[in-house]
PDB file of all heavy atoms in Angstrom:
ATOM      1  N   THR A   1      -7.038  -4.327  -5.768  1.00  0.00           N
ATOM      2  CA  THR A   1      -8.370  -4.833  -6.088  1.00  0.00           C
ATOM      3  C   THR A   1      -8.318  -6.179  -6.808  1.00  0.00           C
ATOM      4  O   THR A   1      -9.350  -6.784  -7.053  1.00  0.00           O
ATOM      5  CB  THR A   1      -9.163  -3.837  -6.955  1.00  0.00           C
ATOM      6  OG1 THR A   1      -8.484  -3.666  -8.207  1.00  0.00           O
ATOM      7  CG2 THR A   1      -9.303  -2.485  -6.256  1.00  0.00           C
ATOM      8  N   ASN A   2      -7.126  -6.658  -7.143  1.00  0.00           N
ATOM      9  CA  ASN A   2      -6.964  -7.931  -7.828  1.00  0.00           C
ATOM     10  C   ASN A   2      -7.408  -9.073  -6.884  1.00  0.00           C
ATOM     11  O   ASN A   2      -6.827  -9.276  -5.829  1.00  0.00           O
ATOM     12  CB  ASN A   2      -5.505  -8.133  -8.239  1.00  0.00           C
ATOM     13  CG  ASN A   2      -5.262  -9.419  -8.995  1.00  0.00           C
ATOM     14  OD1 ASN A   2      -6.084 -10.334  -8.971  1.00  0.00           O
ATOM     15  ND2 ASN A   2      -4.151  -9.484  -9.667  1.00  0.00           N
ATOM     16  N   PRO A   3      -8.428  -9.829  -7.274  1.00  0.00           N
ATOM     17  CA  PRO A   3      -8.938 -10.880  -6.379  1.00  0.00           C
ATOM     18  C   PRO A   3      -7.979 -12.078  -6.229  1.00  0.00           C
ATOM     19  O   PRO A   3      -8.164 -12.903  -5.348  1.00  0.00           O
ATOM     20  CB  PRO A   3     -10.241 -11.313  -7.063  1.00  0.00           C
ATOM     21  CG  PRO A   3     -10.064 -10.940  -8.495  1.00  0.00           C
ATOM     22  CD  PRO A   3      -9.179  -9.732  -8.502  1.00  0.00           C
ATOM     23  N   HIS A   4      -6.960 -12.158  -7.048  1.00  0.00           N
ATOM     24  CA  HIS A   4      -6.034 -13.293  -7.014  1.00  0.00           C
ATOM     25  C   HIS A   4      -4.818 -13.054  -6.122  1.00  0.00           C
ATOM     26  O   HIS A   4      -3.928 -13.896  -6.074  1.00  0.00           O
ATOM     27  CB  HIS A   4      -5.600 -13.650  -8.432  1.00  0.00           C
ATOM     28  CG  HIS A   4      -6.745 -13.955  -9.337  1.00  0.00           C
ATOM     29  ND1 HIS A   4      -7.553 -15.058  -9.183  1.00  0.00           N
ATOM     30  CD2 HIS A   4      -7.247 -13.273 -10.392  1.00  0.00           C
ATOM     31  CE1 HIS A   4      -8.497 -15.055 -10.115  1.00  0.00           C
ATOM     32  NE2 HIS A   4      -8.340 -13.979 -10.857  1.00  0.00           N
ATOM     33  N   LEU A   5      -4.772 -11.930  -5.443  1.00  0.00           N
ATOM     34  CA  LEU A   5      -3.641 -11.647  -4.572  1.00  0.00           C
ATOM     35  C   LEU A   5      -3.700 -12.522  -3.317  1.00  0.00           C
ATOM     36  O   LEU A   5      -4.778 -12.692  -2.733  1.00  0.00           O
ATOM     37  CB  LEU A   5      -3.642 -10.183  -4.119  1.00  0.00           C
ATOM     38  CG  LEU A   5      -3.124  -9.142  -5.099  1.00  0.00           C
ATOM     39  CD1 LEU A   5      -3.275  -7.768  -4.461  1.00  0.00           C
ATOM     40  CD2 LEU A   5      -1.701  -9.395  -5.480  1.00  0.00           C
ATOM     41  N   CYS A   6      -2.564 -13.037  -2.923  1.00  0.00           N
ATOM     42  CA  CYS A   6      -2.533 -13.768  -1.650  1.00  0.00           C
ATOM     43  C   CYS A   6      -2.479 -12.756  -0.505  1.00  0.00           C
ATOM     44  O   CYS A   6      -2.244 -11.572  -0.706  1.00  0.00           O
ATOM     45  CB  CYS A   6      -1.351 -14.726  -1.601  1.00  0.00           C
ATOM     46  SG  CYS A   6       0.258 -13.932  -1.487  1.00  0.00           S
ATOM     47  N   LYS A   7      -2.681 -13.230   0.715  1.00  0.00           N
ATOM     48  CA  LYS A   7      -2.742 -12.354   1.876  1.00  0.00           C
ATOM     49  C   LYS A   7      -1.433 -11.596   2.074  1.00  0.00           C
ATOM     50  O   LYS A   7      -1.429 -10.407   2.397  1.00  0.00           O
ATOM     51  CB  LYS A   7      -3.078 -13.173   3.115  1.00  0.00           C
ATOM     52  CG  LYS A   7      -3.305 -12.327   4.351  1.00  0.00           C
ATOM     53  CD  LYS A   7      -3.783 -13.153   5.509  1.00  0.00           C
ATOM     54  CE  LYS A   7      -4.052 -12.235   6.685  1.00  0.00           C
ATOM     55  NZ  LYS A   7      -4.605 -12.956   7.825  1.00  0.00           N
ATOM     56  N   VAL A   8      -0.297 -12.268   1.865  1.00  0.00           N
ATOM     57  CA  VAL A   8       1.017 -11.629   2.041  1.00  0.00           C
ATOM     58  C   VAL A   8       1.202 -10.501   1.034  1.00  0.00           C
ATOM     59  O   VAL A   8       1.607  -9.398   1.389  1.00  0.00           O
ATOM     60  CB  VAL A   8       2.160 -12.669   1.916  1.00  0.00           C
ATOM     61  CG1 VAL A   8       3.513 -11.969   1.928  1.00  0.00           C
ATOM     62  CG2 VAL A   8       2.070 -13.687   3.030  1.00  0.00           C
ATOM     63  N   ASP A   9       0.883 -10.759  -0.233  1.00  0.00           N
ATOM     64  CA  ASP A   9       1.005  -9.718  -1.252  1.00  0.00           C
ATOM     65  C   ASP A   9       0.083  -8.541  -0.965  1.00  0.00           C
ATOM     66  O   ASP A   9       0.452  -7.379  -1.153  1.00  0.00           O
ATOM     67  CB  ASP A   9       0.706 -10.278  -2.649  1.00  0.00           C
ATOM     68  CG  ASP A   9       1.797 -11.224  -3.149  1.00  0.00           C
ATOM     69  OD1 ASP A   9       2.935 -11.161  -2.614  1.00  0.00           O
ATOM     70  OD2 ASP A   9       1.524 -12.013  -4.060  1.00  0.00           O
ATOM     71  N   SER A  10      -1.119  -8.851  -0.504  1.00  0.00           N
ATOM     72  CA  SER A  10      -2.063  -7.775  -0.159  1.00  0.00           C
ATOM     73  C   SER A  10      -1.503  -6.908   0.969  1.00  0.00           C
ATOM     74  O   SER A  10      -1.590  -5.685   0.911  1.00  0.00           O
ATOM     75  CB  SER A  10      -3.411  -8.357   0.267  1.00  0.00           C
ATOM     76  OG  SER A  10      -4.032  -8.985  -0.794  1.00  0.00           O
ATOM     77  N   GLN A  11      -0.917  -7.546   1.969  1.00  0.00           N
ATOM     78  CA  GLN A  11      -0.358  -6.787   3.093  1.00  0.00           C
ATOM     79  C   GLN A  11       0.813  -5.930   2.651  1.00  0.00           C
ATOM     80  O   GLN A  11       0.962  -4.792   3.109  1.00  0.00           O
ATOM     81  CB  GLN A  11       0.068  -7.731   4.231  1.00  0.00           C
ATOM     82  CG  GLN A  11       0.439  -6.990   5.492  1.00  0.00           C
ATOM     83  CD  GLN A  11      -0.685  -6.112   6.015  1.00  0.00           C
ATOM     84  OE1 GLN A  11      -1.811  -6.557   6.144  1.00  0.00           O
ATOM     85  NE2 GLN A  11      -0.401  -4.855   6.306  1.00  0.00           N
ATOM     86  N   ILE A  12       1.640  -6.449   1.761  1.00  0.00           N
ATOM     87  CA  ILE A  12       2.763  -5.674   1.229  1.00  0.00           C
ATOM     88  C   ILE A  12       2.232  -4.451   0.489  1.00  0.00           C
ATOM     89  O   ILE A  12       2.739  -3.330   0.663  1.00  0.00           O
ATOM     90  CB  ILE A  12       3.647  -6.541   0.318  1.00  0.00           C
ATOM     91  CG1 ILE A  12       4.397  -7.587   1.145  1.00  0.00           C
ATOM     92  CG2 ILE A  12       4.627  -5.681  -0.479  1.00  0.00           C
ATOM     93  CD1 ILE A  12       5.089  -8.649   0.331  1.00  0.00           C
ATOM     94  N   LEU A  13       1.205  -4.644  -0.327  1.00  0.00           N
ATOM     95  CA  LEU A  13       0.610  -3.509  -1.045  1.00  0.00           C
ATOM     96  C   LEU A  13       0.020  -2.487  -0.073  1.00  0.00           C
ATOM     97  O   LEU A  13       0.198  -1.286  -0.250  1.00  0.00           O
ATOM     98  CB  LEU A  13      -0.479  -3.996  -2.010  1.00  0.00           C
ATOM     99  CG  LEU A  13      -0.004  -4.514  -3.360  1.00  0.00           C
ATOM    100  CD1 LEU A  13      -1.159  -5.117  -4.122  1.00  0.00           C
ATOM    101  CD2 LEU A  13       0.659  -3.408  -4.160  1.00  0.00           C
ATOM    102  N   VAL A  14      -0.684  -2.961   0.951  1.00  0.00           N
ATOM    103  CA  VAL A  14      -1.271  -2.056   1.944  1.00  0.00           C
ATOM    104  C   VAL A  14      -0.175  -1.253   2.632  1.00  0.00           C
ATOM    105  O   VAL A  14      -0.287  -0.026   2.790  1.00  0.00           O
ATOM    106  CB  VAL A  14      -2.111  -2.827   2.984  1.00  0.00           C
ATOM    107  CG1 VAL A  14      -2.459  -1.953   4.178  1.00  0.00           C
ATOM    108  CG2 VAL A  14      -3.376  -3.371   2.329  1.00  0.00           C
ATOM    109  N   ASN A  15       0.910  -1.908   3.008  1.00  0.00           N
ATOM    110  CA  ASN A  15       2.024  -1.189   3.650  1.00  0.00           C
ATOM    111  C   ASN A  15       2.622  -0.146   2.719  1.00  0.00           C
ATOM    112  O   ASN A  15       2.947   0.970   3.134  1.00  0.00           O
ATOM    113  CB  ASN A  15       3.106  -2.175   4.101  1.00  0.00           C
ATOM    114  CG  ASN A  15       2.665  -3.008   5.276  1.00  0.00           C
ATOM    115  OD1 ASN A  15       1.737  -2.655   5.996  1.00  0.00           O
ATOM    116  ND2 ASN A  15       3.319  -4.146   5.479  1.00  0.00           N
ATOM    117  N   ASN A  16       2.787  -0.515   1.440  1.00  0.00           N
ATOM    118  CA  ASN A  16       3.316   0.452   0.459  1.00  0.00           C
ATOM    119  C   ASN A  16       2.359   1.620   0.259  1.00  0.00           C
ATOM    120  O   ASN A  16       2.787   2.768   0.113  1.00  0.00           O
ATOM    121  CB  ASN A  16       3.602  -0.238  -0.877  1.00  0.00           C
ATOM    122  CG  ASN A  16       4.853  -1.073  -0.836  1.00  0.00           C
ATOM    123  OD1 ASN A  16       5.775  -0.788  -0.082  1.00  0.00           O
ATOM    124  ND2 ASN A  16       4.889  -2.118  -1.641  1.00  0.00           N
ATOM    125  N   ILE A  17       1.066   1.326   0.224  1.00  0.00           N
ATOM    126  CA  ILE A  17       0.063   2.396   0.059  1.00  0.00           C
ATOM    127  C   ILE A  17       0.120   3.349   1.255  1.00  0.00           C
ATOM    128  O   ILE A  17       0.120   4.576   1.074  1.00  0.00           O
ATOM    129  CB  ILE A  17      -1.346   1.780  -0.096  1.00  0.00           C
ATOM    130  CG1 ILE A  17      -1.463   1.145  -1.489  1.00  0.00           C
ATOM    131  CG2 ILE A  17      -2.441   2.822   0.127  1.00  0.00           C
ATOM    132  CD1 ILE A  17      -2.691   0.270  -1.676  1.00  0.00           C
ATOM    133  N   LEU A  18       0.188   2.818   2.451  1.00  0.00           N
ATOM    134  CA  LEU A  18       0.265   3.669   3.650  1.00  0.00           C
ATOM    135  C   LEU A  18       1.525   4.517   3.633  1.00  0.00           C
ATOM    136  O   LEU A  18       1.494   5.706   3.973  1.00  0.00           O
ATOM    137  CB  LEU A  18       0.213   2.809   4.918  1.00  0.00           C
ATOM    138  CG  LEU A  18      -1.109   2.095   5.171  1.00  0.00           C
ATOM    139  CD1 LEU A  18      -0.988   1.159   6.359  1.00  0.00           C
ATOM    140  CD2 LEU A  18      -2.234   3.108   5.370  1.00  0.00           C
ATOM    141  N   TRP A  19       2.652   3.920   3.223  1.00  0.00           N
ATOM    142  CA  TRP A  19       3.911   4.686   3.155  1.00  0.00           C
ATOM    143  C   TRP A  19       3.800   5.789   2.117  1.00  0.00           C
ATOM    144  O   TRP A  19       4.204   6.931   2.378  1.00  0.00           O
ATOM    145  CB  TRP A  19       5.076   3.752   2.815  1.00  0.00           C
ATOM    146  CG  TRP A  19       6.357   4.500   2.671  1.00  0.00           C
ATOM    147  CD1 TRP A  19       7.179   4.887   3.667  1.00  0.00           C
ATOM    148  CD2 TRP A  19       6.908   5.019   1.456  1.00  0.00           C
ATOM    149  NE1 TRP A  19       8.241   5.600   3.160  1.00  0.00           N
ATOM    150  CE2 TRP A  19       8.101   5.691   1.794  1.00  0.00           C
ATOM    151  CE3 TRP A  19       6.539   4.957   0.120  1.00  0.00           C
ATOM    152  CZ2 TRP A  19       8.913   6.306   0.843  1.00  0.00           C
ATOM    153  CZ3 TRP A  19       7.341   5.568  -0.829  1.00  0.00           C
ATOM    154  CH2 TRP A  19       8.498   6.230  -0.461  1.00  0.00           C
ATOM    155  N   LEU A  20       3.249   5.459   0.928  1.00  0.00           N
ATOM    156  CA  LEU A  20       3.118   6.474  -0.114  1.00  0.00           C
ATOM    157  C   LEU A  20       2.199   7.617   0.315  1.00  0.00           C
ATOM    158  O   LEU A  20       2.506   8.782   0.063  1.00  0.00           O
ATOM    159  CB  LEU A  20       2.573   5.841  -1.405  1.00  0.00           C
ATOM    160  CG  LEU A  20       3.578   5.034  -2.221  1.00  0.00           C
ATOM    161  CD1 LEU A  20       2.862   4.231  -3.294  1.00  0.00           C
ATOM    162  CD2 LEU A  20       4.620   5.949  -2.846  1.00  0.00           C
ATOM    163  N   GLU A  21       1.104   7.278   0.973  1.00  0.00           N
ATOM    164  CA  GLU A  21       0.182   8.326   1.447  1.00  0.00           C
ATOM    165  C   GLU A  21       0.880   9.244   2.442  1.00  0.00           C
ATOM    166  O   GLU A  21       0.717  10.474   2.379  1.00  0.00           O
ATOM    167  CB  GLU A  21      -1.063   7.700   2.054  1.00  0.00           C
ATOM    168  CG  GLU A  21      -1.971   7.070   1.028  1.00  0.00           C
ATOM    169  CD  GLU A  21      -3.135   6.306   1.630  1.00  0.00           C
ATOM    170  OE1 GLU A  21      -3.058   5.879   2.815  1.00  0.00           O
ATOM    171  OE2 GLU A  21      -4.133   6.111   0.903  1.00  0.00           O
ATOM    172  N   ALA A  22       1.669   8.668   3.344  1.00  0.00           N
ATOM    173  CA  ALA A  22       2.395   9.489   4.324  1.00  0.00           C
ATOM    174  C   ALA A  22       3.439  10.355   3.637  1.00  0.00           C
ATOM    175  O   ALA A  22       3.602  11.542   3.971  1.00  0.00           O
ATOM    176  CB  ALA A  22       3.046   8.591   5.368  1.00  0.00           C
ATOM    177  N   GLU A  23       4.147   9.787   2.683  1.00  0.00           N
ATOM    178  CA  GLU A  23       5.181  10.538   1.957  1.00  0.00           C
ATOM    179  C   GLU A  23       4.563  11.687   1.162  1.00  0.00           C
ATOM    180  O   GLU A  23       5.088  12.796   1.140  1.00  0.00           O
ATOM    181  CB  GLU A  23       5.934   9.577   1.015  1.00  0.00           C
ATOM    182  CG  GLU A  23       7.171  10.172   0.387  1.00  0.00           C
ATOM    183  CD  GLU A  23       8.290  10.444   1.372  1.00  0.00           C
ATOM    184  OE1 GLU A  23       8.331   9.836   2.444  1.00  0.00           O
ATOM    185  OE2 GLU A  23       9.148  11.295   1.043  1.00  0.00           O
ATOM    186  N   ILE A  24       3.427  11.432   0.533  1.00  0.00           N
ATOM    187  CA  ILE A  24       2.746  12.472  -0.237  1.00  0.00           C
ATOM    188  C   ILE A  24       2.279  13.600   0.699  1.00  0.00           C
ATOM    189  O   ILE A  24       2.453  14.783   0.380  1.00  0.00           O
ATOM    190  CB  ILE A  24       1.554  11.880  -1.033  1.00  0.00           C
ATOM    191  CG1 ILE A  24       2.091  11.018  -2.190  1.00  0.00           C
ATOM    192  CG2 ILE A  24       0.646  12.992  -1.566  1.00  0.00           C
ATOM    193  CD1 ILE A  24       1.025  10.151  -2.860  1.00  0.00           C
ATOM    194  N   ARG A  25       1.727  13.229   1.865  1.00  0.00           N
ATOM    195  CA  ARG A  25       1.310  14.271   2.828  1.00  0.00           C
ATOM    196  C   ARG A  25       2.495  15.138   3.252  1.00  0.00           C
ATOM    197  O   ARG A  25       2.378  16.359   3.374  1.00  0.00           O
ATOM    198  CB  ARG A  25       0.639  13.626   4.048  1.00  0.00           C
ATOM    199  CG  ARG A  25      -0.789  13.227   3.828  1.00  0.00           C
ATOM    200  CD  ARG A  25      -1.492  12.862   5.134  1.00  0.00           C
ATOM    201  NE  ARG A  25      -0.819  11.828   5.880  1.00  0.00           N
ATOM    202  CZ  ARG A  25      -1.007  10.525   5.716  1.00  0.00           C
ATOM    203  NH1 ARG A  25      -1.863  10.091   4.814  1.00  0.00           N
ATOM    204  NH2 ARG A  25      -0.348   9.648   6.453  1.00  0.00           N
ATOM    205  N   GLU A  26       3.632  14.496   3.503  1.00  0.00           N
ATOM    206  CA  GLU A  26       4.835  15.234   3.907  1.00  0.00           C
ATOM    207  C   GLU A  26       5.292  16.189   2.813  1.00  0.00           C
ATOM    208  O   GLU A  26       5.605  17.345   3.077  1.00  0.00           O
ATOM    209  CB  GLU A  26       5.950  14.246   4.255  1.00  0.00           C
ATOM    210  CG  GLU A  26       7.281  14.902   4.569  1.00  0.00           C
ATOM    211  CD  GLU A  26       7.269  15.717   5.851  1.00  0.00           C
ATOM    212  OE1 GLU A  26       6.462  15.438   6.749  1.00  0.00           O
ATOM    213  OE2 GLU A  26       8.072  16.665   5.942  1.00  0.00           O
ATOM    214  N   LEU A  27       5.318  15.716   1.582  1.00  0.00           N
ATOM    215  CA  LEU A  27       5.736  16.571   0.466  1.00  0.00           C
ATOM    216  C   LEU A  27       4.741  17.709   0.242  1.00  0.00           C
ATOM    217  O   LEU A  27       5.127  18.838  -0.057  1.00  0.00           O
ATOM    218  CB  LEU A  27       5.893  15.735  -0.815  1.00  0.00           C
ATOM    219  CG  LEU A  27       7.073  14.773  -0.826  1.00  0.00           C
ATOM    220  CD1 LEU A  27       7.001  13.853  -2.043  1.00  0.00           C
ATOM    221  CD2 LEU A  27       8.392  15.515  -0.792  1.00  0.00           C
ATOM    222  N   GLU A  28       3.443  17.413   0.399  1.00  0.00           N
ATOM    223  CA  GLU A  28       2.435  18.466   0.255  1.00  0.00           C
ATOM    224  C   GLU A  28       2.602  19.529   1.330  1.00  0.00           C
ATOM    225  O   GLU A  28       2.428  20.720   1.066  1.00  0.00           O
ATOM    226  CB  GLU A  28       1.031  17.856   0.283  1.00  0.00           C
ATOM    227  CG  GLU A  28       0.686  17.096  -0.964  1.00  0.00           C
ATOM    228  CD  GLU A  28      -0.644  16.341  -0.872  1.00  0.00           C
ATOM    229  OE1 GLU A  28      -1.095  16.035   0.241  1.00  0.00           O
ATOM    230  OE2 GLU A  28      -1.213  16.055  -1.944  1.00  0.00           O
TER     231      GLU A  28
END
């Protein structure tokens, strides 16, 4: 939600979020 993130950093965060969500679903 940080408005100062550049597009590359935002995409890295999105990729990490998607990976974490998938990992959490697998563990659950």
